Amino acid sequence: MMKYKIFFTVLMAALITFTSPITSVWASDSISAYMGFSREVNEALAKQIQDKLGIEVKNITLSWGEIWARLKTESPRFNADMVLSFGASEAINGAKKGYYEAYHSPGWDGIDDAFKSKDGTYYALGTFSFLLLGNTKKLAEK
């Protein structure tokens, strides 16, 4: 009798351990996202996704460098379902490494080809300005 109790206990532990994560992923109405915007923008975007799609976004606010480090470390088993706001070089390098799933949205049709990948793995929302700043007093001393 004791042998059956041990067997049953081990069987139940295995079932709970190996099936709960799988079923919770498939039944989930939430996703996790690495987000490189400011915390305020991330929260507003997560709320908009929740309101429009009914999907809760558990956002993790990180710098682009932190997001890239996580993707490189976690590949191929990423802890996030989505990345929003990322540097162009990271988007391009991640696409080359096969990190991203292709997605062809009709909303992207109007985006210039220079701002999106041909395979549909990323697109750019806009451009950023790079500026040279200097302390004119210190520079004059040099």
N, C-alpha and C. Protein backbone atom coordinates (compact mmCIF):
# COMPACT_ATOMS: atom_id res chain seq x y z
N MET A 1 0.82 -1.20 0.00
CA MET A 1 0.00 0.00 0.00
C MET A 1 0.87 1.26 0.00
N MET A 2 1.93 1.24 0.80
CA MET A 2 2.83 2.39 0.86
C MET A 2 3.47 2.66 -0.50
N LYS A 3 3.78 1.58 -1.23
CA LYS A 3 4.39 1.71 -2.55
C LYS A 3 3.46 2.48 -3.49
N TYR A 4 2.16 2.22 -3.41
CA TYR A 4 1.19 2.90 -4.26
C TYR A 4 1.05 4.38 -3.88
N LYS A 5 1.12 4.68 -2.58
CA LYS A 5 1.04 6.07 -2.14
C LYS A 5 2.23 6.87 -2.67
N ILE A 6 3.41 6.28 -2.59
CA ILE A 6 4.60 6.95 -3.09
C ILE A 6 4.50 7.15 -4.60
N PHE A 7 4.08 6.11 -5.32
CA PHE A 7 3.92 6.20 -6.77
C PHE A 7 2.91 7.28 -7.13
N PHE A 8 1.77 7.29 -6.44
CA PHE A 8 0.72 8.27 -6.71
C PHE A 8 1.22 9.69 -6.42
N THR A 9 1.94 9.86 -5.32
CA THR A 9 2.48 11.18 -4.96
C THR A 9 3.46 11.68 -6.02
N VAL A 10 4.36 10.80 -6.46
CA VAL A 10 5.34 11.17 -7.49
C VAL A 10 4.62 11.49 -8.80
N LEU A 11 3.63 10.68 -9.16
CA LEU A 11 2.87 10.91 -10.38
C LEU A 11 2.15 12.26 -10.34
N MET A 12 1.50 12.57 -9.23
CA MET A 12 0.79 13.85 -9.11
C MET A 12 1.76 15.03 -9.14
N ALA A 13 2.89 14.89 -8.47
CA ALA A 13 3.89 15.96 -8.48
C ALA A 13 4.39 16.21 -9.90
N ALA A 14 4.63 15.13 -10.64
CA ALA A 14 5.10 15.27 -12.02
C ALA A 14 4.04 15.93 -12.89
N LEU A 15 2.79 15.52 -12.74
CA LEU A 15 1.71 16.11 -13.53
C LEU A 15 1.55 17.60 -13.24
N ILE A 16 1.58 17.95 -11.97
CA ILE A 16 1.44 19.36 -11.59
C ILE A 16 2.63 20.17 -12.11
N THR A 17 3.82 19.62 -11.95
CA THR A 17 5.03 20.33 -12.36
C THR A 17 5.09 20.54 -13.86
N PHE A 18 4.76 19.52 -14.63
CA PHE A 18 4.98 19.60 -16.07
C PHE A 18 3.77 20.04 -16.89
N THR A 19 2.58 20.02 -16.32
CA THR A 19 1.43 20.46 -17.11
C THR A 19 0.92 21.83 -16.72
N SER A 20 1.10 22.26 -15.50
CA SER A 20 0.60 23.58 -15.08
C SER A 20 1.18 24.72 -15.89
N PRO A 21 2.51 24.79 -16.08
CA PRO A 21 3.03 25.91 -16.87
C PRO A 21 2.51 25.91 -18.30
N ILE A 22 2.35 24.75 -18.89
CA ILE A 22 1.89 24.67 -20.27
C ILE A 22 0.45 25.16 -20.38
N THR A 23 -0.42 24.67 -19.52
CA THR A 23 -1.82 25.08 -19.62
C THR A 23 -1.99 26.53 -19.25
N SER A 24 -1.20 27.03 -18.31
CA SER A 24 -1.35 28.44 -17.95
C SER A 24 -0.92 29.35 -19.09
N VAL A 25 0.08 28.95 -19.86
CA VAL A 25 0.50 29.76 -21.00
C VAL A 25 -0.60 29.81 -22.05
N TRP A 26 -1.18 28.65 -22.37
CA TRP A 26 -2.20 28.62 -23.41
C TRP A 26 -3.49 29.30 -22.98
N ALA A 27 -3.79 29.28 -21.68
CA ALA A 27 -5.04 29.86 -21.20
C ALA A 27 -4.88 31.31 -20.79
N SER A 28 -3.69 31.83 -20.86
CA SER A 28 -3.39 33.16 -20.35
C SER A 28 -3.96 34.26 -21.23
N ASP A 29 -4.45 35.30 -20.57
CA ASP A 29 -4.88 36.51 -21.26
C ASP A 29 -3.89 37.63 -20.98
N SER A 30 -2.64 37.25 -20.75
CA SER A 30 -1.61 38.26 -20.50
C SER A 30 -0.32 37.86 -21.21
N ILE A 31 0.49 38.86 -21.46
CA ILE A 31 1.81 38.65 -22.04
C ILE A 31 2.81 39.47 -21.24
N SER A 32 4.07 39.12 -21.35
CA SER A 32 5.11 39.95 -20.74
C SER A 32 5.89 40.62 -21.87
N ALA A 33 6.33 41.83 -21.60
CA ALA A 33 7.03 42.60 -22.64
C ALA A 33 8.20 43.36 -22.03
N TYR A 34 9.34 43.29 -22.72
CA TYR A 34 10.46 44.17 -22.41
C TYR A 34 10.19 45.46 -23.15
N MET A 35 10.16 46.57 -22.42
CA MET A 35 9.78 47.84 -23.03
C MET A 35 10.83 48.90 -22.75
N GLY A 36 11.30 49.54 -23.82
CA GLY A 36 12.36 50.52 -23.72
C GLY A 36 11.90 51.97 -23.69
N PHE A 37 10.59 52.19 -23.60
CA PHE A 37 10.09 53.55 -23.44
C PHE A 37 10.24 53.97 -21.97
N SER A 38 9.81 55.17 -21.62
CA SER A 38 9.78 55.56 -20.21
C SER A 38 8.67 54.77 -19.51
N ARG A 39 8.75 54.69 -18.20
CA ARG A 39 7.75 53.94 -17.43
C ARG A 39 6.34 54.47 -17.72
N GLU A 40 6.18 55.79 -17.81
CA GLU A 40 4.85 56.37 -18.05
C GLU A 40 4.31 55.96 -19.42
N VAL A 41 5.15 56.00 -20.43
CA VAL A 41 4.72 55.60 -21.78
C VAL A 41 4.41 54.11 -21.80
N ASN A 42 5.25 53.30 -21.16
CA ASN A 42 5.01 51.86 -21.10
C ASN A 42 3.66 51.54 -20.47
N GLU A 43 3.35 52.20 -19.36
CA GLU A 43 2.08 51.95 -18.68
C GLU A 43 0.90 52.38 -19.53
N ALA A 44 1.02 53.52 -20.21
CA ALA A 44 -0.06 53.98 -21.09
C ALA A 44 -0.26 53.03 -22.27
N LEU A 45 0.83 52.55 -22.84
CA LEU A 45 0.75 51.61 -23.95
C LEU A 45 0.15 50.28 -23.50
N ALA A 46 0.57 49.81 -22.33
CA ALA A 46 0.02 48.56 -21.79
C ALA A 46 -1.49 48.69 -21.56
N LYS A 47 -1.91 49.84 -21.06
CA LYS A 47 -3.35 50.08 -20.83
C LYS A 47 -4.11 50.09 -22.16
N GLN A 48 -3.53 50.71 -23.18
CA GLN A 48 -4.18 50.76 -24.49
C GLN A 48 -4.34 49.35 -25.07
N ILE A 49 -3.32 48.52 -24.93
CA ILE A 49 -3.41 47.14 -25.42
C ILE A 49 -4.47 46.38 -24.64
N GLN A 50 -4.52 46.58 -23.33
CA GLN A 50 -5.53 45.93 -22.49
C GLN A 50 -6.93 46.37 -22.92
N ASP A 51 -7.13 47.67 -23.11
CA ASP A 51 -8.45 48.19 -23.47
C ASP A 51 -8.89 47.73 -24.86
N LYS A 52 -7.99 47.74 -25.83
CA LYS A 52 -8.36 47.42 -27.22
C LYS A 52 -8.40 45.92 -27.50
N LEU A 53 -7.48 45.16 -26.88
CA LEU A 53 -7.36 43.74 -27.21
C LEU A 53 -7.76 42.80 -26.07
N GLY A 54 -7.90 43.35 -24.87
CA GLY A 54 -8.23 42.52 -23.72
C GLY A 54 -7.06 41.69 -23.22
N ILE A 55 -5.85 42.08 -23.59
CA ILE A 55 -4.65 41.34 -23.18
C ILE A 55 -3.86 42.21 -22.20
N GLU A 56 -3.64 41.68 -21.02
CA GLU A 56 -2.83 42.40 -20.04
C GLU A 56 -1.36 42.30 -20.43
N VAL A 57 -0.68 43.44 -20.43
CA VAL A 57 0.76 43.46 -20.72
C VAL A 57 1.50 43.69 -19.41
N LYS A 58 2.25 42.68 -19.01
CA LYS A 58 3.10 42.81 -17.83
C LYS A 58 4.42 43.37 -18.33
N ASN A 59 4.54 44.70 -18.23
CA ASN A 59 5.70 45.35 -18.85
C ASN A 59 6.87 45.45 -17.89
N ILE A 60 8.03 45.24 -18.45
CA ILE A 60 9.29 45.34 -17.72
C ILE A 60 10.07 46.46 -18.39
N THR A 61 10.20 47.59 -17.69
CA THR A 61 10.89 48.75 -18.24
C THR A 61 12.39 48.57 -18.11
N LEU A 62 13.07 48.60 -19.24
CA LEU A 62 14.52 48.41 -19.29
C LEU A 62 15.13 49.36 -20.31
N SER A 63 16.43 49.58 -20.19
CA SER A 63 17.13 50.33 -21.24
C SER A 63 17.31 49.40 -22.43
N TRP A 64 17.64 49.97 -23.58
CA TRP A 64 17.86 49.14 -24.77
C TRP A 64 19.00 48.17 -24.55
N GLY A 65 20.05 48.62 -23.88
CA GLY A 65 21.18 47.74 -23.60
C GLY A 65 20.79 46.57 -22.71
N GLU A 66 19.94 46.84 -21.71
CA GLU A 66 19.47 45.77 -20.83
C GLU A 66 18.59 44.78 -21.59
N ILE A 67 17.74 45.30 -22.47
CA ILE A 67 16.89 44.41 -23.27
C ILE A 67 17.76 43.51 -24.14
N TRP A 68 18.74 44.11 -24.82
CA TRP A 68 19.61 43.34 -25.71
C TRP A 68 20.39 42.28 -24.92
N ALA A 69 20.89 42.65 -23.75
CA ALA A 69 21.63 41.69 -22.91
C ALA A 69 20.73 40.52 -22.52
N ARG A 70 19.49 40.81 -22.17
CA ARG A 70 18.56 39.74 -21.81
C ARG A 70 18.26 38.83 -23.00
N LEU A 71 18.03 39.43 -24.16
CA LEU A 71 17.74 38.61 -25.34
C LEU A 71 18.90 37.68 -25.66
N LYS A 72 20.11 38.21 -25.61
CA LYS A 72 21.29 37.37 -25.91
C LYS A 72 21.44 36.26 -24.88
N THR A 73 21.18 36.58 -23.62
CA THR A 73 21.33 35.59 -22.55
C THR A 73 20.21 34.55 -22.58
N GLU A 74 19.00 34.98 -22.84
CA GLU A 74 17.84 34.09 -22.76
C GLU A 74 17.61 33.25 -24.01
N SER A 75 18.16 33.65 -25.14
CA SER A 75 17.92 32.93 -26.40
C SER A 75 18.31 31.46 -26.26
N PRO A 76 17.51 30.54 -26.74
CA PRO A 76 16.28 30.68 -27.52
C PRO A 76 15.01 30.63 -26.66
N ARG A 77 15.14 30.63 -25.34
CA ARG A 77 13.96 30.55 -24.46
C ARG A 77 13.77 31.90 -23.77
N PHE A 78 13.15 32.82 -24.48
CA PHE A 78 12.99 34.18 -23.98
C PHE A 78 11.96 34.24 -22.86
N ASN A 79 12.21 35.09 -21.88
CA ASN A 79 11.28 35.27 -20.76
C ASN A 79 10.18 36.28 -21.08
N ALA A 80 10.32 37.02 -22.16
CA ALA A 80 9.29 37.97 -22.58
C ALA A 80 8.66 37.48 -23.87
N ASP A 81 7.42 37.90 -24.06
CA ASP A 81 6.69 37.53 -25.28
C ASP A 81 6.88 38.57 -26.39
N MET A 82 7.27 39.78 -25.99
CA MET A 82 7.32 40.87 -26.95
C MET A 82 8.34 41.91 -26.49
N VAL A 83 8.91 42.64 -27.44
CA VAL A 83 9.79 43.78 -27.15
C VAL A 83 9.19 45.00 -27.83
N LEU A 84 9.03 46.08 -27.07
CA LEU A 84 8.54 47.34 -27.62
C LEU A 84 9.55 48.43 -27.30
N SER A 85 9.97 49.18 -28.29
CA SER A 85 10.95 50.25 -28.22
C SER A 85 12.34 49.69 -27.99
N PHE A 86 13.09 49.70 -29.07
CA PHE A 86 14.38 49.04 -29.09
C PHE A 86 15.27 49.79 -30.06
N GLY A 87 16.55 49.72 -29.90
CA GLY A 87 17.47 50.38 -30.81
C GLY A 87 17.52 49.69 -32.17
N ALA A 88 17.80 50.47 -33.19
CA ALA A 88 17.85 49.94 -34.55
C ALA A 88 18.91 48.86 -34.70
N SER A 89 20.09 49.07 -34.13
CA SER A 89 21.15 48.06 -34.28
C SER A 89 20.76 46.75 -33.61
N GLU A 90 20.09 46.83 -32.46
CA GLU A 90 19.65 45.61 -31.78
C GLU A 90 18.55 44.90 -32.59
N ALA A 91 17.66 45.69 -33.18
CA ALA A 91 16.61 45.10 -34.01
C ALA A 91 17.22 44.36 -35.20
N ILE A 92 18.18 44.99 -35.85
CA ILE A 92 18.82 44.39 -37.03
C ILE A 92 19.63 43.15 -36.63
N ASN A 93 20.44 43.27 -35.57
CA ASN A 93 21.25 42.13 -35.13
C ASN A 93 20.40 40.97 -34.65
N GLY A 94 19.32 41.26 -33.92
CA GLY A 94 18.43 40.20 -33.46
C GLY A 94 17.74 39.49 -34.61
N ALA A 95 17.38 40.25 -35.64
CA ALA A 95 16.76 39.64 -36.83
C ALA A 95 17.75 38.70 -37.50
N LYS A 96 19.02 39.12 -37.59
CA LYS A 96 20.05 38.26 -38.20
C LYS A 96 20.26 36.99 -37.39
N LYS A 97 20.11 37.08 -36.07
CA LYS A 97 20.30 35.91 -35.21
C LYS A 97 19.05 35.02 -35.14
N GLY A 98 17.96 35.48 -35.75
CA GLY A 98 16.73 34.69 -35.74
C GLY A 98 15.94 34.78 -34.45
N TYR A 99 16.12 35.86 -33.69
CA TYR A 99 15.43 36.02 -32.41
C TYR A 99 13.94 36.30 -32.57
N TYR A 100 13.53 36.95 -33.65
CA TYR A 100 12.19 37.49 -33.76
C TYR A 100 11.32 36.68 -34.72
N GLU A 101 10.02 36.73 -34.46
CA GLU A 101 9.04 36.13 -35.34
C GLU A 101 8.58 37.18 -36.35
N ALA A 102 8.46 36.80 -37.59
CA ALA A 102 7.99 37.73 -38.62
C ALA A 102 6.50 37.98 -38.44
N TYR A 103 6.09 39.20 -38.73
CA TYR A 103 4.68 39.58 -38.66
C TYR A 103 4.44 40.64 -39.72
N HIS A 104 3.52 40.40 -40.60
CA HIS A 104 3.21 41.36 -41.66
C HIS A 104 1.85 41.99 -41.37
N SER A 105 1.88 43.19 -40.81
CA SER A 105 0.66 43.91 -40.47
C SER A 105 0.26 44.81 -41.62
N PRO A 106 -1.03 44.84 -41.96
CA PRO A 106 -1.49 45.76 -43.00
C PRO A 106 -1.18 47.22 -42.63
N GLY A 107 -1.09 47.51 -41.34
CA GLY A 107 -0.77 48.85 -40.89
C GLY A 107 0.64 49.28 -41.24
N TRP A 108 1.50 48.34 -41.57
CA TRP A 108 2.89 48.66 -41.90
C TRP A 108 3.08 48.93 -43.39
N ASP A 109 2.04 48.75 -44.19
CA ASP A 109 2.17 48.92 -45.63
C ASP A 109 2.64 50.31 -46.03
N GLY A 110 2.24 51.33 -45.29
CA GLY A 110 2.61 52.69 -45.63
C GLY A 110 3.98 53.12 -45.13
N ILE A 111 4.65 52.25 -44.39
CA ILE A 111 5.97 52.59 -43.86
C ILE A 111 7.01 52.41 -44.95
N ASP A 112 7.87 53.41 -45.11
CA ASP A 112 8.93 53.35 -46.12
C ASP A 112 9.81 52.13 -45.87
N ASP A 113 10.24 51.49 -46.94
CA ASP A 113 11.06 50.28 -46.84
C ASP A 113 12.35 50.49 -46.06
N ALA A 114 12.84 51.71 -46.00
CA ALA A 114 14.08 51.99 -45.25
C ALA A 114 13.88 51.82 -43.75
N PHE A 115 12.62 51.82 -43.29
CA PHE A 115 12.34 51.75 -41.87
C PHE A 115 11.73 50.43 -41.42
N LYS A 116 11.81 49.40 -42.26
CA LYS A 116 11.29 48.09 -41.85
C LYS A 116 12.11 46.99 -42.52
N SER A 117 12.09 45.84 -41.87
CA SER A 117 12.83 44.71 -42.45
C SER A 117 11.99 44.07 -43.55
N LYS A 118 12.66 43.52 -44.54
CA LYS A 118 11.95 42.88 -45.64
C LYS A 118 11.18 41.64 -45.18
N ASP A 119 11.72 40.97 -44.15
CA ASP A 119 11.08 39.73 -43.68
C ASP A 119 9.98 39.97 -42.65
N GLY A 120 9.75 41.23 -42.25
CA GLY A 120 8.67 41.53 -41.32
C GLY A 120 9.01 41.31 -39.86
N THR A 121 10.30 41.27 -39.51
CA THR A 121 10.66 41.04 -38.11
C THR A 121 10.69 42.32 -37.29
N TYR A 122 10.78 43.49 -37.91
CA TYR A 122 10.75 44.74 -37.15
C TYR A 122 10.42 45.90 -38.08
N TYR A 123 10.01 47.00 -37.46
CA TYR A 123 9.88 48.26 -38.18
C TYR A 123 10.22 49.39 -37.22
N ALA A 124 10.60 50.52 -37.75
CA ALA A 124 10.98 51.67 -36.93
C ALA A 124 9.80 52.64 -36.81
N LEU A 125 9.55 53.08 -35.60
CA LEU A 125 8.50 54.08 -35.38
C LEU A 125 8.92 55.46 -35.85
N GLY A 126 10.18 55.73 -35.79
CA GLY A 126 10.66 57.05 -36.17
C GLY A 126 12.18 57.06 -36.16
N THR A 127 12.70 58.22 -36.12
CA THR A 127 14.15 58.36 -36.09
C THR A 127 14.55 59.12 -34.83
N PHE A 128 15.81 59.06 -34.51
CA PHE A 128 16.34 59.76 -33.35
C PHE A 128 17.41 60.72 -33.82
N SER A 129 17.58 61.79 -33.08
CA SER A 129 18.61 62.78 -33.41
C SER A 129 19.83 62.54 -32.54
N PHE A 130 20.98 62.65 -33.15
CA PHE A 130 22.24 62.53 -32.42
C PHE A 130 22.90 63.90 -32.47
N LEU A 131 23.27 64.40 -31.31
CA LEU A 131 23.79 65.76 -31.19
C LEU A 131 25.16 65.74 -30.54
N LEU A 132 25.97 66.68 -30.91
CA LEU A 132 27.26 66.87 -30.26
C LEU A 132 27.10 67.98 -29.24
N LEU A 133 27.33 67.65 -27.99
CA LEU A 133 27.24 68.64 -26.92
C LEU A 133 28.63 68.90 -26.40
N GLY A 134 28.88 70.12 -26.03
CA GLY A 134 30.19 70.44 -25.48
C GLY A 134 30.13 71.61 -24.52
N ASN A 135 31.01 71.58 -23.57
CA ASN A 135 31.16 72.70 -22.65
C ASN A 135 32.10 73.70 -23.32
N THR A 136 31.54 74.80 -23.83
CA THR A 136 32.33 75.74 -24.62
C THR A 136 33.49 76.34 -23.83
N LYS A 137 33.31 76.55 -22.53
CA LYS A 137 34.40 77.10 -21.71
C LYS A 137 35.55 76.10 -21.63
N LYS A 138 35.24 74.85 -21.37
CA LYS A 138 36.28 73.82 -21.28
C LYS A 138 36.95 73.60 -22.63
N LEU A 139 36.15 73.60 -23.69
CA LEU A 139 36.72 73.41 -25.02
C LEU A 139 37.64 74.56 -25.40
N ALA A 140 37.29 75.79 -25.00
CA ALA A 140 38.13 76.95 -25.30
C ALA A 140 39.47 76.86 -24.58
N GLU A 141 39.48 76.23 -23.40
CA GLU A 141 40.73 76.06 -22.64
C GLU A 141 41.66 75.07 -23.32
N LYS A 142 41.15 74.19 -24.09
CA LYS A 142 41.96 73.13 -24.72
C LYS A 142 42.68 73.65 -25.88
